[in-house]
Protein backbone atom coordinates (compact mmCIF):
# COMPACT_ATOMS: atom_id res chain seq x y z
CA MET A 1 107.88 114.58 117.77
CA THR A 2 110.44 111.84 117.30
CA ALA A 3 112.10 109.76 119.96
CA PRO A 4 115.53 111.14 120.80
CA ARG A 5 118.75 109.22 120.31
CA GLY A 6 120.85 108.01 123.22
CA PHE A 7 118.48 105.71 125.08
CA VAL A 8 121.54 103.83 126.37
CA GLU A 9 121.94 106.45 129.08
CA LEU A 10 118.35 106.07 130.30
CA THR A 11 116.64 103.60 132.56
CA VAL A 12 114.22 101.11 131.01
CA ASP A 13 111.28 103.12 132.35
CA GLU A 14 112.64 106.40 130.96
CA ALA A 15 113.29 104.89 127.54
CA LEU A 16 109.82 103.33 127.50
CA GLU A 17 108.21 106.65 128.42
CA LEU A 18 110.06 108.49 125.63
CA LEU A 19 109.05 105.88 123.06
CA ARG A 20 105.45 106.05 124.20
CA ARG A 21 105.41 109.84 124.00
CA ALA A 22 107.00 109.82 120.57
CA TRP A 23 104.72 107.20 119.01
CA THR A 24 101.56 107.24 121.15
CA ASP A 25 99.29 108.00 118.19
CA LYS A 26 100.87 105.36 115.93
CA HIS A 27 102.05 102.42 118.07
CA TYR A 28 101.41 100.66 121.35
CA ILE A 29 104.86 100.21 122.92
CA ILE A 30 105.78 97.20 125.02
CA THR A 31 109.00 97.10 126.99
CA TYR A 32 111.75 94.53 126.84
CA ASP A 33 111.28 91.61 129.19
CA GLU A 34 114.76 90.55 130.25
CA MET A 35 113.56 87.48 132.13
CA ALA A 36 111.56 86.16 129.19
CA LYS A 37 114.23 87.22 126.65
CA GLN A 38 111.59 89.09 124.67
CA PRO A 39 112.55 92.09 122.53
CA TRP A 40 111.22 95.60 122.78
CA ARG A 41 108.01 95.50 120.76
CA ALA A 42 105.47 97.89 119.26
CA TRP A 43 102.08 97.18 117.68
CA ARG A 44 100.69 99.54 115.07
CA LEU A 45 97.38 101.07 116.08
CA ASP A 46 96.01 101.34 112.56
CA ARG A 47 94.30 98.71 110.46
CA VAL A 48 97.68 97.46 109.18
CA GLY A 49 98.41 96.10 112.66
CA ARG A 50 102.04 95.18 112.06
CA VAL A 51 104.34 94.36 114.97
CA VAL A 52 107.90 95.69 115.02
CA ASP A 53 110.70 94.59 117.31
CA GLY A 54 114.07 95.82 118.47
CA THR A 55 116.70 94.53 120.83
CA ALA A 56 117.13 97.98 122.40
CA PRO A 57 115.11 101.20 122.56
CA ASP A 58 117.12 102.87 119.78
CA GLU A 59 116.62 99.84 117.57
CA LEU A 60 112.88 99.79 118.25
CA ASN A 61 112.63 103.50 117.46
CA ASP A 62 114.45 102.89 114.15
CA ALA A 63 112.18 99.93 113.37
CA ILE A 64 109.06 102.02 114.03
CA ARG A 65 110.37 104.82 111.81
CA ALA A 66 111.14 102.33 109.02
CA ASP A 67 107.72 100.73 109.37
CA GLN A 68 105.96 104.09 109.22
CA ALA A 69 108.11 105.15 106.26
CA LYS A 70 106.83 102.14 104.28
CA ASP A 71 103.47 103.86 104.27
CA GLY A 72 104.85 107.38 103.84
CA ASN A 73 103.98 108.38 107.41
CA VAL A 74 107.44 109.61 108.54
CA THR A 75 109.34 112.46 107.00
């Protein structure tokens, strides 16, 4: 399952839930913190342990896909 496009139309909680459902076995998803000016962030759950960021849910989804593709994990 991949995260759908069009997060712009969703609330922060809805976008976060979709990202978590899409990547639950690969990444730990953290939401954007507007007050702290922190990006949307995901930590890989494997031994690689990389962190990927995005300024919006769609961007984070793309960053996760690109990160997974580096290791041949996304088709």
